């Protein structure tokens, strides 16, 4: 079977990500590096590599870079391997000998690249949870969810997932689905949650765009100044509307949502 060419990979990625996706041959015909608009908390790009298979499918892999990055700040052992394996499997990937990978048809490469990038961006928090008594940011998320229930409960769907995301891997914290303008809401207490919000919006927007549904997005941040510079810039570019410091601006929550969802026109 004819090997997949660089232009075929580029075409498949551009259909999902647009011009922001690029493919660079590392070993032409054998290994390609894929650049997509997804980044880790330290500002580096997610490491996504593609190996064409003889049967026409492709294998997406991180080439072991996730474990290498994690090993800079912690000792990896059987317990941490188990956490990374569980995280990988939740997204449909395998983990073996330090490498995260999955083989799939070429037409699934966009969703696969998003999934691999999300695994990489979530790995640090997955290992931190092993030694942490609580989940970072959960209290803040509950405070905001409770506030949303008070002001717009009749319109709000929590933990919203798109129809194609049957497992809820890319769920957004809340969505206003019964309003004139569909509104996605991300609750962002940390860098990790910011990167997750960016990836999840990318996944959900593709389905909304295909349905020609008007949509807007709102990020509610514990404090925008707590985010690392590169993460903050990416989030603010992706979520044009924000409540940047919730405690200072929580009184504007209802009016902000009413305006973005066009409820005044309803």
Protein backbone atom coordinates (compact mmCIF):
# COMPACT_ATOMS: atom_id res chain seq x y z
CA UNK A 1 0.00 0.00 0.00
CA UNK A 2 1.27 3.50 -0.89
CA UNK A 3 2.69 5.39 2.10
CA UNK A 4 0.82 8.46 3.30
CA UNK A 5 2.42 11.66 2.01
CA UNK A 6 3.08 14.93 3.84
CA UNK A 7 0.42 16.74 1.80
CA UNK A 8 -2.19 14.13 2.77
CA UNK A 9 -1.42 14.60 6.46
CA UNK A 10 -1.52 18.38 6.07
CA UNK A 11 -4.85 18.25 4.25
CA UNK A 12 -6.42 16.06 6.94
CA UNK A 13 -5.21 18.37 9.73
CA UNK A 14 -6.21 21.58 7.95
CA UNK A 15 -9.76 20.28 7.66
CA UNK A 16 -9.95 20.18 11.44
CA UNK A 17 -7.62 22.96 12.60
CA UNK A 18 -7.41 25.30 9.62
CA UNK A 19 -4.17 26.97 8.58
CA UNK A 20 -2.85 26.91 12.16
CA UNK A 21 -1.85 23.23 11.78
CA UNK A 22 1.45 22.31 10.13
CA UNK A 23 3.26 19.06 9.35
CA UNK A 24 7.06 18.76 9.33
CA UNK A 25 8.80 15.62 8.08
CA UNK A 26 11.29 14.32 10.63
CA UNK A 27 12.03 11.16 8.64
CA UNK A 28 10.10 11.51 5.36
CA UNK A 29 7.64 8.70 4.91
CA UNK A 30 8.33 7.32 8.41
CA UNK A 31 7.86 10.05 11.01
CA UNK A 32 6.23 13.49 10.97
CA UNK A 33 5.95 16.20 13.60
CA UNK A 34 2.53 17.83 13.84
CA UNK A 35 2.10 21.37 15.18
CA UNK A 36 -1.42 22.24 16.33
CA UNK A 37 -2.72 25.21 18.38
CA UNK A 38 -2.39 23.42 21.72
CA UNK A 39 0.22 24.17 24.35
CA UNK A 40 1.39 22.99 27.73
CA UNK A 41 1.34 25.12 30.88
CA UNK A 42 5.02 26.07 30.46
CA UNK A 43 4.36 27.51 27.00
CA UNK A 44 5.85 24.68 24.97
CA UNK A 45 3.85 23.10 22.17
CA UNK A 46 2.26 19.72 22.77
CA UNK A 47 4.44 16.99 21.25
CA UNK A 48 2.39 15.25 18.55
CA UNK A 49 4.13 12.91 16.09
CA UNK A 50 2.70 10.73 13.32
CA UNK A 51 3.97 7.40 12.01
CA UNK A 52 2.28 6.20 8.79
CA UNK A 53 1.39 2.49 8.94
CA UNK A 54 1.54 0.02 6.05
CA UNK A 55 -2.23 -0.52 6.16
CA UNK A 56 -2.96 3.17 5.48
CA UNK A 57 -3.64 4.08 9.09
CA UNK A 58 -1.49 6.38 11.23
CA UNK A 59 -0.04 6.09 14.72
CA UNK A 60 -0.07 9.23 16.86
CA UNK A 61 2.60 9.29 19.57
CA UNK A 62 4.34 11.64 21.97
CA UNK A 63 7.64 9.74 21.44
CA UNK A 64 8.02 9.56 25.21
CA UNK A 65 8.33 13.33 25.62
CA UNK A 66 5.56 13.51 28.27
CA UNK A 67 7.41 11.21 30.66
CA UNK A 68 10.71 12.90 29.89
CA UNK A 69 9.21 16.29 30.80
CA UNK A 70 7.65 14.94 33.99
CA UNK A 71 10.91 13.29 35.06
CA UNK A 72 12.57 16.72 35.31
CA UNK A 73 10.56 17.53 38.45
CA UNK A 74 9.63 14.15 39.99
CA UNK A 75 10.67 10.52 40.25
CA UNK A 76 8.59 8.29 37.98
CA UNK A 77 7.67 4.85 39.25
CA UNK A 78 5.03 2.14 38.88
CA UNK A 79 2.46 4.33 40.62
CA UNK A 80 3.00 7.31 38.34
CA UNK A 81 3.06 5.01 35.29
CA UNK A 82 -0.34 3.67 36.35
CA UNK A 83 -1.74 7.21 36.56
CA UNK A 84 -0.44 8.10 33.09
CA UNK A 85 -1.76 4.81 31.70
CA UNK A 86 -5.20 5.48 33.16
CA UNK A 87 -5.22 9.01 31.75
CA UNK A 88 -4.11 7.75 28.32
CA UNK A 89 -6.70 4.98 28.18
CA UNK A 90 -9.44 7.43 29.11
CA UNK A 91 -8.67 9.23 25.85
CA UNK A 92 -8.35 6.04 23.78
CA UNK A 93 -4.54 5.87 23.85
CA UNK A 94 -2.10 3.25 25.12
CA UNK A 95 0.90 3.75 27.38
CA UNK A 96 3.90 1.44 27.17
CA UNK A 97 7.61 1.91 27.96
CA UNK A 98 7.12 5.61 28.57
CA UNK A 99 5.37 6.28 25.24
CA UNK A 100 1.76 7.40 24.74
CA UNK A 101 0.35 6.25 21.39
CA UNK A 102 -2.71 5.14 19.41
CA UNK A 103 -3.27 3.85 15.85
CA UNK A 104 -6.26 5.15 13.90
CA UNK A 105 -7.59 5.88 10.39
CA UNK A 106 -6.22 9.04 8.78
CA UNK A 107 -9.65 10.70 8.90
CA UNK A 108 -9.56 10.56 12.73
CA UNK A 109 -6.23 12.37 13.01
CA UNK A 110 -7.74 15.71 14.12
CA UNK A 111 -9.62 14.22 17.07
CA UNK A 112 -6.58 12.05 17.85
CA UNK A 113 -4.21 15.02 17.89
CA UNK A 114 -6.55 16.92 20.24
CA UNK A 115 -6.76 13.88 22.53
CA UNK A 116 -2.99 13.40 22.66
CA UNK A 117 -2.44 17.11 23.38
CA UNK A 118 -5.00 16.91 26.18
CA UNK A 119 -3.26 13.90 27.72
CA UNK A 120 0.04 15.77 27.69
CA UNK A 121 -1.45 18.93 29.23
CA UNK A 122 -3.27 16.92 31.94
CA UNK A 123 -0.41 14.60 32.90
CA UNK A 124 1.14 16.95 35.47
CA UNK A 125 -2.13 17.42 37.34
CA UNK A 126 -2.83 13.68 37.17
CA UNK A 127 0.44 12.97 38.99
CA UNK A 128 -0.05 15.84 41.43
CA UNK A 129 -3.39 14.32 42.40
CA UNK A 130 -1.53 11.24 43.64
CA UNK A 131 -0.07 13.20 46.54
CA UNK A 132 -2.66 15.94 46.91
CA UNK A 133 -5.58 15.62 49.30
CA UNK A 134 -7.82 17.79 47.15
CA UNK A 135 -8.34 18.60 43.50
CA UNK A 136 -6.94 22.04 42.69
CA UNK A 137 -9.63 24.54 41.84
CA UNK A 138 -12.64 22.33 42.66
CA UNK A 139 -13.88 24.70 45.36
CA UNK A 140 -13.72 27.62 42.93
CA UNK A 141 -15.55 25.60 40.28
CA UNK A 142 -18.32 24.77 42.77
CA UNK A 143 -18.69 28.44 43.76
CA UNK A 144 -19.13 29.48 40.13
CA UNK A 145 -21.45 26.58 39.29
CA UNK A 146 -23.66 27.52 42.25
CA UNK A 147 -23.71 31.15 41.06
CA UNK A 148 -24.71 30.05 37.55
CA UNK A 149 -27.57 28.00 38.99
CA UNK A 150 -28.83 31.08 40.81
CA UNK A 151 -28.86 33.42 37.81
CA UNK A 152 -29.46 31.30 34.69
CA UNK A 153 -30.35 27.78 35.82
CA UNK A 154 -33.23 27.42 33.36
CA UNK A 155 -30.91 27.88 30.36
CA UNK A 156 -27.75 26.19 31.60
CA UNK A 157 -26.43 22.68 30.90
CA UNK A 158 -23.50 21.73 33.13
CA UNK A 159 -20.63 19.54 31.97
CA UNK A 160 -21.77 19.98 28.38
CA UNK A 161 -20.40 17.62 25.74
CA UNK A 162 -20.94 17.61 21.99
CA UNK A 163 -22.93 14.82 20.34
CA UNK A 164 -19.82 13.22 18.85
CA UNK A 165 -18.04 13.15 22.22
CA UNK A 166 -19.90 10.17 23.66
CA UNK A 167 -17.48 9.74 26.58
CA UNK A 168 -17.43 13.39 27.57
CA UNK A 169 -13.66 13.68 27.15
CA UNK A 170 -13.90 17.30 25.95
CA UNK A 171 -16.79 18.55 28.09
CA UNK A 172 -17.04 22.28 28.81
CA UNK A 173 -18.05 23.37 32.33
CA UNK A 174 -21.38 24.84 31.24
CA UNK A 175 -23.29 25.80 28.11
CA UNK A 176 -26.32 27.96 27.44
CA UNK A 177 -28.01 25.75 24.88
CA UNK A 178 -31.56 27.15 24.92
CA UNK A 179 -30.70 30.80 24.28
CA UNK A 180 -30.72 32.81 21.00
CA UNK A 181 -26.92 32.55 20.90
CA UNK A 182 -25.26 29.33 22.13
CA UNK A 183 -22.80 30.21 24.91
CA UNK A 184 -20.00 27.99 26.19
CA UNK A 185 -18.66 28.78 29.68
CA UNK A 186 -15.26 27.65 30.97
CA UNK A 187 -14.46 27.94 34.68
CA UNK A 188 -10.71 28.50 34.97
CA UNK A 189 -8.90 28.32 38.32
CA UNK A 190 -5.45 27.28 37.02
CA UNK A 191 -3.07 26.91 34.07
CA UNK A 192 -4.07 23.28 33.56
CA UNK A 193 -7.76 24.17 33.43
CA UNK A 194 -6.97 27.02 31.03
CA UNK A 195 -5.25 24.70 28.56
CA UNK A 196 -8.11 22.22 28.91
CA UNK A 197 -10.63 24.98 28.21
CA UNK A 198 -8.76 25.95 25.03
CA UNK A 199 -8.66 22.37 23.73
CA UNK A 200 -12.28 21.67 24.63
CA UNK A 201 -13.52 24.78 22.88
CA UNK A 202 -11.59 23.74 19.76
CA UNK A 203 -13.30 20.35 19.77
CA UNK A 204 -16.85 21.59 20.44
CA UNK A 205 -16.66 24.55 18.03
CA UNK A 206 -16.06 22.24 15.06
CA UNK A 207 -19.47 20.64 15.58
CA UNK A 208 -21.22 23.98 16.13
CA UNK A 209 -19.60 25.43 13.01
CA UNK A 210 -20.64 22.41 10.95
CA UNK A 211 -24.23 22.94 12.14
CA UNK A 212 -23.91 26.67 11.28
CA UNK A 213 -24.91 27.50 14.86
CA UNK A 214 -23.99 30.93 16.21
CA UNK A 215 -21.85 30.53 19.30
CA UNK A 216 -19.87 32.58 21.79
CA UNK A 217 -17.54 31.64 24.63
CA UNK A 218 -16.94 33.01 28.12
CA UNK A 219 -14.04 32.27 30.47
CA UNK A 220 -14.62 32.84 34.19
CA UNK A 221 -11.23 33.04 35.90
CA UNK A 222 -10.30 32.91 39.54
CA UNK A 223 -7.60 35.47 38.72
CA UNK A 224 -6.22 35.99 35.22
CA UNK A 225 -2.99 37.30 36.74
CA UNK A 226 -2.27 33.90 38.28
CA UNK A 227 -1.87 32.28 34.85
CA UNK A 228 1.52 31.96 33.20
CA UNK A 229 2.10 34.54 30.47
CA UNK A 230 1.83 32.24 27.45
CA UNK A 231 -1.20 30.40 28.84
CA UNK A 232 -2.92 33.70 29.63
CA UNK A 233 -2.33 35.03 26.12
CA UNK A 234 -3.67 31.86 24.49
CA UNK A 235 -6.74 31.79 26.71
CA UNK A 236 -7.59 35.44 26.10
CA UNK A 237 -7.21 34.94 22.35
CA UNK A 238 -9.49 31.89 22.42
CA UNK A 239 -12.04 33.31 24.87
CA UNK A 240 -12.53 36.91 23.79
CA UNK A 241 -15.08 37.41 26.59
CA UNK A 242 -13.90 36.95 30.16
CA UNK A 243 -14.61 37.66 33.78
CA UNK A 244 -10.90 38.02 34.61
CA UNK A 245 -11.04 38.20 38.42
CA UNK A 246 -14.24 36.52 39.62
CA UNK A 247 -14.24 37.72 43.21
CA UNK A 248 -14.02 41.35 42.06
CA UNK A 249 -16.54 41.03 39.21
CA UNK A 250 -18.99 38.33 40.28
CA UNK A 251 -21.73 40.95 40.42
CA UNK A 252 -21.50 41.28 36.63
CA UNK A 253 -22.05 37.55 35.98
CA UNK A 254 -25.72 37.69 35.10
CA UNK A 255 -25.49 40.76 32.85
CA UNK A 256 -22.44 39.35 31.07
CA UNK A 257 -24.24 36.10 30.27
CA UNK A 258 -27.46 37.84 29.28
CA UNK A 259 -25.58 40.01 26.80
CA UNK A 260 -23.44 37.22 25.30
CA UNK A 261 -26.36 34.80 24.95
CA UNK A 262 -28.60 37.55 23.49
CA UNK A 263 -31.20 36.90 26.16
CA UNK A 264 -32.35 40.52 26.04
CA UNK A 265 -33.61 39.84 22.53
CA UNK A 266 -35.44 36.67 23.55
